[in-house]
Protein backbone atom coordinates (compact mmCIF):
# COMPACT_ATOMS: atom_id res chain seq x y z
CA MET A 1 52.08 6.11 32.01
CA THR A 2 52.24 3.95 28.70
CA ALA A 3 51.92 4.68 25.18
CA THR A 4 51.71 2.61 22.10
CA THR A 5 54.47 3.04 19.89
CA SER A 6 54.36 2.29 16.11
CA SER A 7 56.51 -0.44 14.46
CA MET A 8 58.51 2.53 12.71
CA ASP A 9 59.88 3.36 16.18
CA ARG A 10 60.61 -0.25 17.36
CA HIS A 11 64.13 -1.30 17.86
CA VAL A 12 64.53 -4.75 18.96
CA ALA A 13 67.90 -6.01 20.38
CA VAL A 14 68.65 -9.76 19.96
CA LEU A 15 71.31 -11.14 22.15
CA GLY A 16 73.08 -14.32 20.97
CA PHE A 17 74.79 -17.28 22.58
CA PRO A 18 77.66 -18.17 20.25
CA PRO A 19 77.05 -21.84 19.87
CA HIS A 20 73.42 -21.10 18.94
CA ALA A 21 74.00 -18.29 16.70
CA ALA A 22 73.04 -19.93 13.49
CA THR A 23 69.84 -21.37 14.82
CA LEU A 24 68.74 -18.18 16.31
CA LEU A 25 69.49 -16.46 12.98
CA LYS A 26 66.93 -18.66 11.33
CA LEU A 27 64.02 -17.35 13.37
CA LEU A 28 65.51 -13.66 13.33
CA ARG A 29 65.41 -13.62 9.64
CA ARG A 30 61.90 -14.53 9.58
CA LEU A 31 60.96 -11.80 12.08
CA ALA A 32 62.88 -9.15 10.39
CA SER A 33 61.42 -10.05 6.90
CA THR A 34 58.02 -10.06 8.47
CA ALA A 35 58.40 -6.67 10.34
CA PRO A 36 60.31 -4.51 7.68
CA THR A 37 59.81 -1.25 9.66
CA THR A 38 61.15 -2.61 12.88
CA ILE A 39 65.00 -2.57 13.38
CA PHE A 40 66.62 -5.70 14.62
CA SER A 41 70.13 -5.28 16.21
CA PHE A 42 71.72 -8.60 16.38
CA PHE A 43 74.47 -8.91 19.07
CA ASN A 44 77.11 -11.89 19.14
CA THR A 45 80.88 -12.49 19.26
CA ALA A 46 82.88 -11.63 16.16
CA LYS A 47 83.88 -15.35 15.78
CA ALA A 48 80.15 -16.44 15.76
CA ASN A 49 78.87 -13.81 13.44
CA SER A 50 81.89 -14.36 10.89
CA SER A 51 80.64 -17.87 10.72
CA ILE A 52 77.02 -17.35 9.89
CA PHE A 53 77.28 -13.85 7.99
CA SER A 54 79.76 -14.16 5.03
CA PRO A 55 80.06 -13.05 1.28
CA GLN A 56 78.69 -16.50 0.67
CA SER A 57 75.71 -16.16 3.04
CA PRO A 58 74.56 -12.52 3.41
CA HIS A 59 71.58 -11.85 5.49
CA GLY A 60 70.14 -9.39 2.64
CA LEU A 61 67.70 -7.53 4.99
CA HIS A 62 67.81 -3.89 5.21
CA ASN A 63 66.43 -3.81 8.79
CA LEU A 64 69.04 -6.28 10.35
CA ARG A 65 71.94 -4.62 11.88
CA VAL A 66 75.01 -6.88 13.13
CA TYR A 67 77.18 -5.91 15.95
CA ASP A 68 80.11 -7.82 17.66
CA VAL A 69 80.42 -8.09 21.40
CA ALA A 70 83.67 -9.14 23.19
CA ASP A 71 84.00 -12.86 23.88
CA GLY A 72 86.32 -12.57 26.97
CA VAL A 73 89.13 -14.61 25.30
CA PRO A 74 92.42 -12.99 26.32
CA GLU A 75 94.98 -12.36 23.78
CA GLY A 76 98.09 -14.54 23.53
CA PRO A 77 97.11 -18.03 25.36
CA VAL A 78 95.94 -20.73 23.02
CA LEU A 79 92.64 -22.39 24.17
CA SER A 80 92.35 -26.05 24.66
CA ALA A 81 90.09 -28.28 22.56
CA ASN A 82 87.42 -28.27 25.15
CA PRO A 83 84.54 -26.12 23.74
CA LEU A 84 83.10 -25.30 27.25
CA GLU A 85 86.61 -23.26 27.96
CA ARG A 86 85.37 -20.57 25.41
CA ILE A 87 82.12 -20.68 26.56
CA ASP A 88 83.22 -20.12 30.20
CA LEU A 89 85.26 -17.00 29.22
CA PHE A 90 82.45 -15.51 27.24
CA LEU A 91 80.11 -15.85 30.29
CA LYS A 92 82.50 -14.01 32.38
CA ALA A 93 82.44 -10.90 29.90
CA THR A 94 78.66 -10.87 30.14
CA PRO A 95 76.47 -8.91 30.51
CA GLY A 96 79.01 -5.98 30.13
CA ASN A 97 79.96 -6.89 26.70
CA PHE A 98 76.36 -6.71 25.52
CA TYR A 99 75.59 -3.41 27.17
CA ASP A 100 78.66 -1.91 25.44
CA ALA A 101 77.58 -2.99 22.05
CA MET A 102 73.81 -2.00 22.84
CA GLN A 103 74.95 1.60 23.61
CA VAL A 104 76.83 1.67 20.25
CA ALA A 105 73.60 0.42 18.30
CA GLU A 106 71.26 2.86 19.95
CA ALA A 107 73.48 5.69 19.06
CA GLU A 108 74.17 4.71 15.47
CA ILE A 109 70.29 3.96 14.88
CA GLY A 110 68.98 6.68 16.89
CA ARG A 111 66.31 4.55 18.56
CA LYS A 112 65.93 3.28 21.97
CA ILE A 113 65.77 -0.43 22.47
CA SER A 114 62.08 -1.35 22.77
CA CYS A 115 62.28 -5.11 23.35
CA LEU A 116 64.93 -7.60 24.29
CA VAL A 117 65.11 -10.98 22.51
CA SER A 118 67.74 -13.25 23.77
CA ASP A 119 68.84 -16.87 23.68
CA ALA A 120 67.31 -18.23 26.82
CA PHE A 121 70.86 -19.27 28.13
CA LEU A 122 71.40 -15.59 28.71
CA TRP A 123 69.33 -15.39 31.95
CA PHE A 124 70.63 -11.93 32.85
CA THR A 125 68.36 -10.46 30.17
CA ALA A 126 65.46 -10.72 32.71
CA ASP A 127 67.13 -8.19 34.87
CA MET A 128 68.24 -6.06 31.78
CA ALA A 129 64.54 -5.98 30.49
CA GLU A 130 63.13 -5.08 33.92
CA GLU A 131 65.36 -2.23 34.40
CA MET A 132 64.81 -0.88 30.77
CA ARG A 133 61.04 -1.62 31.31
CA VAL A 134 60.82 -3.49 28.00
CA PRO A 135 59.60 -7.02 27.31
CA TRP A 136 61.93 -10.00 27.38
CA VAL A 137 61.33 -12.61 24.79
CA ALA A 138 63.60 -15.89 25.46
CA ILE A 139 64.39 -18.12 22.53
CA TRP A 140 65.04 -21.75 23.48
CA THR A 141 66.67 -23.42 20.46
CA SER A 142 66.37 -27.16 21.71
CA ALA A 143 63.58 -29.44 22.73
CA LEU A 144 60.92 -28.85 25.19
CA CYS A 145 62.10 -31.97 27.18
CA SER A 146 65.44 -30.47 27.67
CA LEU A 147 63.94 -27.01 28.73
CA SER A 148 61.87 -28.92 31.45
CA VAL A 149 65.17 -30.38 32.83
CA HIS A 150 66.49 -26.81 33.83
CA ILE A 151 63.23 -25.64 35.21
CA TYR A 152 62.95 -28.77 37.32
CA THR A 153 66.68 -28.85 38.29
CA ASP A 154 66.23 -28.13 42.03
CA ALA A 155 63.30 -30.70 42.11
CA ILE A 156 65.75 -33.30 40.29
CA ARG A 157 68.49 -32.61 42.67
CA GLU A 158 66.11 -33.26 45.64
CA ALA A 159 64.89 -36.53 44.19
CA VAL A 160 68.18 -37.99 43.08
CA LYS A 161 70.31 -38.40 46.53
CA VAL A 162 73.09 -40.75 45.54
CA VAL A 163 74.19 -40.25 42.16
CA GLY A 164 76.22 -43.34 41.57
CA GLN A 165 73.36 -45.65 42.64
CA VAL A 166 70.39 -44.12 40.67
CA GLN A 167 71.49 -43.86 36.96
CA ASP A 168 68.56 -46.07 36.05
CA GLN A 169 66.06 -44.29 37.97
CA THR A 170 63.36 -42.65 35.83
CA LEU A 171 62.32 -39.00 36.26
CA ASP A 172 58.57 -39.75 35.91
CA PHE A 173 57.50 -37.03 38.38
CA ILE A 174 58.21 -34.74 35.48
CA PRO A 175 55.42 -34.56 33.01
CA GLY A 176 56.39 -36.32 29.74
CA PHE A 177 59.52 -37.93 31.28
CA SER A 178 58.36 -41.39 31.83
CA ALA A 179 61.13 -42.76 29.49
CA ILE A 180 63.86 -40.44 30.83
CA LYS A 181 66.47 -41.63 33.17
CA VAL A 182 69.06 -39.93 35.49
CA GLU A 183 71.95 -41.04 33.02
CA ASP A 184 70.12 -39.00 30.26
CA LEU A 185 70.65 -35.62 32.00
CA PRO A 186 73.06 -33.08 31.07
CA GLU A 187 76.14 -32.42 32.90
CA GLY A 188 75.74 -29.99 35.95
CA ILE A 189 72.28 -31.21 36.98
CA VAL A 190 73.39 -33.99 39.45
CA PHE A 191 76.66 -35.03 38.12
CA GLY A 192 79.65 -33.19 36.82
CA ASP A 193 80.77 -30.02 38.14
CA ILE A 194 77.50 -28.48 39.21
CA GLU A 195 79.00 -25.17 40.27
CA SER A 196 80.76 -24.50 36.92
CA PRO A 197 79.95 -21.13 35.11
CA PHE A 198 77.89 -23.17 32.56
CA ALA A 199 76.02 -25.21 34.92
CA CYS A 200 75.31 -22.10 37.22
CA MET A 201 74.05 -20.35 34.02
CA LEU A 202 71.72 -23.00 33.13
CA HIS A 203 70.56 -23.33 36.79
CA LYS A 204 69.74 -19.68 36.80
CA MET A 205 68.05 -19.73 33.63
CA GLY A 206 65.54 -22.10 34.88
CA LEU A 207 64.88 -19.94 37.88
CA MET A 208 64.50 -16.90 35.48
CA LEU A 209 62.46 -18.22 32.64
CA PRO A 210 59.22 -17.66 34.42
CA ARG A 211 59.78 -13.87 34.26
CA ALA A 212 60.05 -13.83 30.54
CA THR A 213 57.08 -12.38 28.72
CA ILE A 214 57.40 -15.38 26.05
CA VAL A 215 59.60 -18.24 25.83
CA ALA A 216 59.65 -19.30 22.15
CA THR A 217 61.07 -22.62 21.20
CA ASN A 218 62.23 -24.62 18.12
CA SER A 219 59.90 -27.30 18.41
CA PHE A 220 56.16 -27.95 17.49
CA GLU A 221 53.28 -28.59 19.97
CA GLU A 222 52.29 -31.75 18.30
CA LEU A 223 55.90 -33.36 18.87
CA GLU A 224 55.85 -32.96 22.69
CA PRO A 225 52.25 -32.15 23.72
CA THR A 226 52.21 -33.64 27.21
CA ILE A 227 55.33 -31.32 28.18
CA VAL A 228 54.21 -28.05 26.76
CA THR A 229 50.34 -28.57 27.27
CA ASN A 230 50.31 -30.25 30.46
CA ASP A 231 53.29 -28.50 32.24
CA LEU A 232 55.24 -25.71 30.72
CA LYS A 233 52.17 -23.62 30.05
CA SER A 234 51.48 -23.63 33.65
CA LYS A 235 54.96 -22.76 34.75
CA LEU A 236 55.77 -19.88 32.27
CA GLN A 237 53.92 -16.57 31.38
CA LYS A 238 53.76 -17.96 27.72
CA VAL A 239 55.37 -20.42 25.85
CA LEU A 240 55.19 -20.64 22.19
CA THR A 241 56.30 -23.49 19.78
CA VAL A 242 57.43 -21.73 16.75
CA GLY A 243 59.42 -24.41 15.12
CA PRO A 244 60.73 -26.33 13.27
CA PHE A 245 62.72 -23.20 12.19
CA ASP A 246 63.72 -24.73 9.19
CA LEU A 247 60.13 -24.99 8.00
CA SER A 248 58.76 -21.83 9.73
CA SER A 249 61.89 -19.73 8.97
CA PRO A 250 63.60 -21.43 6.04
CA PRO A 251 66.98 -20.28 5.41
CA PRO A 252 68.34 -19.24 2.13
CA LEU A 253 69.85 -22.02 -0.08
CA ILE A 254 73.50 -22.40 0.26
CA LEU A 255 75.79 -23.36 -2.50
CA ASP A 256 76.58 -27.05 -2.77
CA ALA A 257 80.49 -26.33 -3.17
CA SER A 258 81.26 -30.03 -2.52
CA GLY A 259 78.74 -31.49 -5.16
CA CYS A 260 77.10 -33.57 -2.49
CA LEU A 261 73.52 -33.20 -4.02
CA PRO A 262 74.57 -34.46 -7.56
CA TRP A 263 76.50 -37.34 -6.02
CA LEU A 264 73.25 -38.40 -4.09
CA ASP A 265 71.31 -38.01 -7.19
CA ASN A 266 72.96 -40.95 -8.52
CA LYS A 267 72.05 -43.28 -5.56
CA LYS A 268 68.99 -45.46 -4.90
CA GLU A 269 66.15 -44.02 -2.67
CA ALA A 270 66.90 -44.44 1.01
CA SER A 271 70.23 -46.08 0.56
CA VAL A 272 72.78 -43.67 1.89
CA ALA A 273 74.21 -43.38 5.36
CA TYR A 274 74.61 -39.63 6.10
CA VAL A 275 77.33 -38.93 8.92
CA SER A 276 77.78 -35.72 10.71
CA PHE A 277 78.26 -34.83 14.49
CA GLY A 278 77.61 -31.13 14.29
CA SER A 279 79.85 -27.88 14.82
CA MET A 280 81.20 -28.72 18.31
CA ALA A 281 81.41 -32.43 18.71
CA THR A 282 84.07 -34.65 17.11
CA PRO A 283 84.47 -38.29 18.09
CA PRO A 284 87.66 -39.46 19.53
CA PRO A 285 90.24 -40.93 17.06
CA ASN A 286 89.50 -44.62 17.93
CA GLU A 287 85.64 -44.07 17.15
CA ILE A 288 86.54 -42.30 13.85
CA ALA A 289 88.51 -45.25 12.90
CA ALA A 290 85.73 -47.68 14.07
CA LEU A 291 83.06 -45.95 12.16
CA ALA A 292 85.07 -45.91 9.05
CA GLU A 293 85.96 -49.61 9.25
CA ALA A 294 82.05 -50.28 9.71
CA LEU A 295 81.27 -48.17 6.73
CA GLU A 296 83.80 -49.87 4.50
CA ALA A 297 82.94 -53.44 5.71
CA THR A 298 79.10 -53.01 4.93
CA GLY A 299 79.83 -51.53 1.62
CA ILE A 300 76.71 -49.15 2.37
CA PRO A 301 76.77 -45.92 0.30
CA PHE A 302 77.76 -43.08 2.65
CA LEU A 303 78.12 -39.32 2.71
CA TRP A 304 80.36 -38.08 5.73
CA SER A 305 80.80 -34.47 6.79
CA LEU A 306 84.19 -34.55 8.77
CA ARG A 307 86.05 -31.50 9.77
CA GLU A 308 89.54 -31.36 8.24
CA HIS A 309 91.53 -31.89 11.39
CA ALA A 310 89.85 -35.16 12.08
CA MET A 311 90.75 -36.69 8.63
CA ASP A 312 94.07 -37.95 9.85
CA ASN A 313 92.15 -40.42 12.10
CA LEU A 314 90.72 -42.20 9.26
CA PRO A 315 92.24 -45.71 8.66
CA LYS A 316 95.18 -45.41 6.05
CA GLY A 317 93.85 -45.92 2.61
CA PHE A 318 90.33 -45.50 3.69
CA LEU A 319 89.50 -42.87 1.29
CA GLU A 320 91.03 -44.56 -1.69
CA ARG A 321 89.31 -47.90 -0.90
CA THR A 322 85.74 -46.30 -0.44
CA THR A 323 85.77 -43.86 -3.31
CA ALA A 324 83.41 -46.09 -5.43
CA HIS A 325 80.64 -45.80 -2.80
CA GLY A 326 81.52 -43.30 -0.18
CA LYS A 327 82.10 -39.41 -0.07
CA VAL A 328 83.88 -37.38 2.66
CA VAL A 329 83.63 -33.66 2.75
CA THR A 330 84.58 -31.10 5.23
CA TRP A 331 81.22 -29.30 5.12
CA ALA A 332 77.73 -30.19 3.79
CA SER A 333 74.51 -28.21 3.63
CA GLN A 334 72.68 -30.58 6.07
CA PRO A 335 68.99 -29.68 5.72
CA GLN A 336 69.25 -29.98 1.93
CA ILE A 337 71.02 -33.63 2.37
CA LEU A 338 68.64 -34.83 4.70
CA ALA A 339 65.75 -33.63 2.39
CA HIS A 340 67.24 -35.87 -0.22
CA ALA A 341 65.36 -39.24 -1.23
CA SER A 342 68.61 -41.20 -1.50
CA VAL A 343 69.37 -40.64 2.28
CA GLY A 344 68.21 -43.61 4.43
CA VAL A 345 69.96 -43.11 7.92
CA PHE A 346 71.59 -40.46 9.69
CA ILE A 347 74.59 -41.02 11.94
CA THR A 348 74.41 -38.17 14.51
CA HIS A 349 75.44 -36.87 17.91
CA GLY A 350 71.82 -36.22 18.43
CA GLY A 351 72.09 -32.45 18.87
CA TRP A 352 68.51 -30.91 18.60
CA ASN A 353 69.14 -29.10 15.30
CA SER A 354 70.11 -32.50 13.89
CA VAL A 355 67.17 -34.29 15.22
CA ILE A 356 64.63 -31.73 14.18
CA GLU A 357 66.30 -31.38 10.68
CA SER A 358 66.10 -35.31 10.43
CA ILE A 359 62.45 -35.30 11.37
CA VAL A 360 61.86 -32.56 8.77
CA GLY A 361 63.70 -34.87 6.22
CA GLY A 362 62.02 -38.12 7.21
CA VAL A 363 65.42 -39.79 7.92
CA PRO A 364 66.00 -42.28 10.85
CA MET A 365 68.78 -41.74 13.14
CA ILE A 366 71.75 -43.64 14.86
CA CYS A 367 72.51 -41.36 17.90
CA ARG A 368 75.96 -41.23 19.56
CA PRO A 369 75.44 -38.54 22.05
CA PHE A 370 78.63 -36.51 23.54
CA PHE A 371 77.29 -33.91 26.03
CA GLY A 372 74.47 -31.67 27.12
CA ASP A 373 70.92 -32.32 25.82
CA GLN A 374 72.24 -34.93 23.53
CA ARG A 375 71.65 -37.80 25.67
CA ILE A 376 67.93 -36.91 26.43
CA ASP A 377 67.23 -36.32 22.67
CA LYS A 378 68.75 -39.79 21.92
CA ARG A 379 66.26 -41.19 24.50
CA MET A 380 63.48 -39.53 22.89
CA VAL A 381 64.43 -40.52 19.49
CA GLU A 382 64.75 -44.14 20.63
CA ASP A 383 62.17 -44.90 23.33
CA VAL A 384 59.61 -42.19 22.89
CA TRP A 385 59.27 -41.53 19.30
CA GLY A 386 60.76 -44.73 17.94
CA ILE A 387 62.41 -43.10 15.08
CA GLY A 388 66.08 -44.25 15.72
CA VAL A 389 68.52 -45.99 17.84
CA GLY A 390 71.36 -45.37 20.17
CA VAL A 391 74.80 -46.94 19.49
CA GLU A 392 75.48 -50.00 21.42
CA GLY A 393 77.35 -49.14 24.74
CA GLY A 394 77.18 -45.49 23.90
CA ILE A 395 80.45 -45.39 21.94
CA LEU A 396 81.31 -45.96 18.18
CA THR A 397 82.60 -49.43 17.57
CA LYS A 398 82.77 -51.58 14.09
CA SER A 399 80.35 -54.04 15.40
CA GLY A 400 78.01 -51.69 17.07
CA VAL A 401 77.76 -49.53 13.92
CA MET A 402 77.19 -52.32 11.45
CA SER A 403 74.44 -53.67 13.64
CA ALA A 404 72.77 -50.12 13.90
CA LEU A 405 72.97 -49.80 10.15
CA GLY A 406 71.64 -53.40 9.35
CA LEU A 407 68.74 -52.69 11.69
CA ILE A 408 67.54 -49.28 10.22
CA LEU A 409 68.19 -50.43 6.60
CA SER A 410 66.05 -53.38 7.06
CA HIS A 411 62.50 -54.33 7.83
CA GLU A 412 62.64 -52.99 11.30
CA GLY A 413 63.88 -49.66 9.81
CA ASN A 414 60.85 -49.42 7.72
CA LYS A 415 58.69 -49.13 10.94
CA MET A 416 61.04 -46.45 12.12
CA ARG A 417 60.66 -44.65 8.60
CA GLU A 418 56.95 -44.84 8.81
CA LYS A 419 56.90 -43.33 12.49
CA ILE A 420 59.18 -40.35 11.28
CA ARG A 421 57.00 -39.72 8.24
CA VAL A 422 54.18 -39.25 10.41
CA LEU A 423 56.16 -36.65 12.58
CA LYS A 424 57.40 -34.96 9.35
CA GLU A 425 53.55 -34.41 8.11
CA LEU A 426 52.73 -33.11 11.46
CA ALA A 427 55.75 -30.63 11.16
CA ARG A 428 54.57 -29.60 7.70
CA ARG A 429 51.20 -28.98 8.89
CA THR A 430 52.29 -26.87 11.91
CA VAL A 431 53.72 -24.20 9.52
CA GLU A 432 50.67 -24.03 7.26
CA PRO A 433 48.81 -20.84 7.53
CA ASN A 434 46.23 -22.26 10.28
CA GLY A 435 49.17 -24.22 11.70
CA SER A 436 50.03 -24.13 15.42
CA SER A 437 53.69 -22.72 14.88
CA THR A 438 52.37 -20.09 12.33
CA GLN A 439 49.75 -18.81 14.79
CA ASN A 440 52.45 -18.70 17.54
CA LEU A 441 54.80 -16.86 15.30
CA SER A 442 52.02 -14.32 14.91
CA ASN A 443 51.53 -13.88 18.50
CA LEU A 444 55.29 -13.62 19.00
CA LEU A 445 55.67 -10.83 16.42
CA GLU A 446 52.69 -8.96 18.04
CA VAL A 447 54.53 -8.68 21.38
CA ILE A 448 57.70 -7.95 19.65
CA THR A 449 56.35 -5.10 17.44
CA THR A 450 53.20 -3.64 18.80
CA SER A 451 53.46 -4.00 22.68
CA LYS A 452 53.19 -0.89 24.68
CA LEU A 453 56.17 0.94 25.99
CA HIS A 454 56.72 3.07 29.01
CA LEU A 455 57.29 6.85 28.08
CA ASP A 456 60.09 6.95 30.60
CA THR A 457 61.94 4.36 28.75
CA ASN A 458 64.27 7.00 27.46
CA LYS A 459 65.43 7.62 31.02
CA TYR A 460 67.32 4.41 31.67
CA ASP A 461 70.96 4.88 31.90
CA PHE A 462 73.00 2.02 30.57
CA ARG A 463 75.93 2.78 32.87
CA ASN A 464 73.85 2.19 35.89
CA ILE A 465 72.14 -0.80 34.72
CA ARG A 466 75.49 -2.27 33.43
CA TRP A 467 77.17 -1.80 37.13
CA LYS A 468 74.31 -3.44 38.80
CA LEU A 469 74.05 -6.41 36.62
CA VAL A 470 77.75 -6.95 36.32
CA SER A 471 77.93 -7.36 40.04
CA VAL A 472 75.11 -9.72 40.22
CA SER A 473 76.54 -11.72 37.42
CA LEU A 474 80.02 -12.17 39.06
CA MET A 475 78.26 -13.37 42.21
CA ILE A 476 76.05 -16.03 40.28
CA ILE A 477 79.16 -17.24 38.32
CA LYS A 478 80.86 -17.82 41.52
CA ARG A 479 77.98 -19.74 43.05
CA VAL A 480 74.33 -20.37 42.58
CA HIS A 481 72.70 -20.77 46.05
């Protein structure tokens, strides 16, 4: 027996994956502000929550509650610099850490959870939603092309027999992948440790996503039409492109504490090279030095967001010698910088957030990918959309960076700028009142706030669900068959 529950009774649990917390929050803010009588409980690690919720960046929404979940990191031992180590520990703590926090939230708020929204990486939410008899909405924060990779993992493994001999093999049996090669794939598909906890998580996710009520993505249909229309819509119950999040769910303006924007105001249009490699990737010392040497040799104005611990890898005297045309800061508000008219090129790792923000800003890219979906993103940027280039040889060298800068800041770069301007305009239109992302966001909200609930939802027992799923999770972490 079912009954419709008004939005006054809704309590939506939002389960975050720590590296994607800031991106997921962009969409969550939009959902919470549009559905003010629905309570949204956001669950993530204390470290991730502290990085996105601060006195300088409060969420300011009365119906958004924030809860910490255990990150699985033991006390005492110092973790290595490998970001996957912290992720693996977090995965081993799931899903029990989420169940513990969800119980606390239900008790404090006095409402049973009526819908589960989760980062798509958290595949176990499929079983949680089934046991709780509520809808599961999976949020994919990256490109549609990288989502396809994980849905097609078994097919790719079958097609790619001998990894060392087929790096140039294209994956044209996947719709929209005529330009994608085996060498562009993330680790854990056919090379690297395919039985690591992280690789197993992504494989299991690809198998589970067809069970999601909705898969919502941080892309727009006009950017990857073949993939979403010709393929994913036939493989998933419902796929909704609701991005770019920075346009459909614009974040609050952030204080420009480093004075980047006034500095850019004094530069010529499309003349500045902006450099940033995201929050997880840092080039090795020799590449940081090579990039600095290239920026100094060209004399091109540059704004470089470089974490403090990496400053020691800059050539001696670099900051003093480039003070007239360069600015190095430890953090910058990237969307605001990429939207500035003086920025002419973006040197990036090619993570999806950076790519989509560059498209929104209309700035061509020089990509130096490191891991994950960054190689596929680079291939799309360079060979599919024609809005940037990869660095020669895949690593940052003085000559390679100088060559790429010369290309993009020349006549050839004007062609790229024109192509990215077209995509920028498509992105803008998609979030207009009748745009595809706006309509899709309305459909997403309808499922979250007005779908029918089973009357016996109140009978689920977190203890029984938790024990069952922890057992399943441990088995899958050890090996995905």
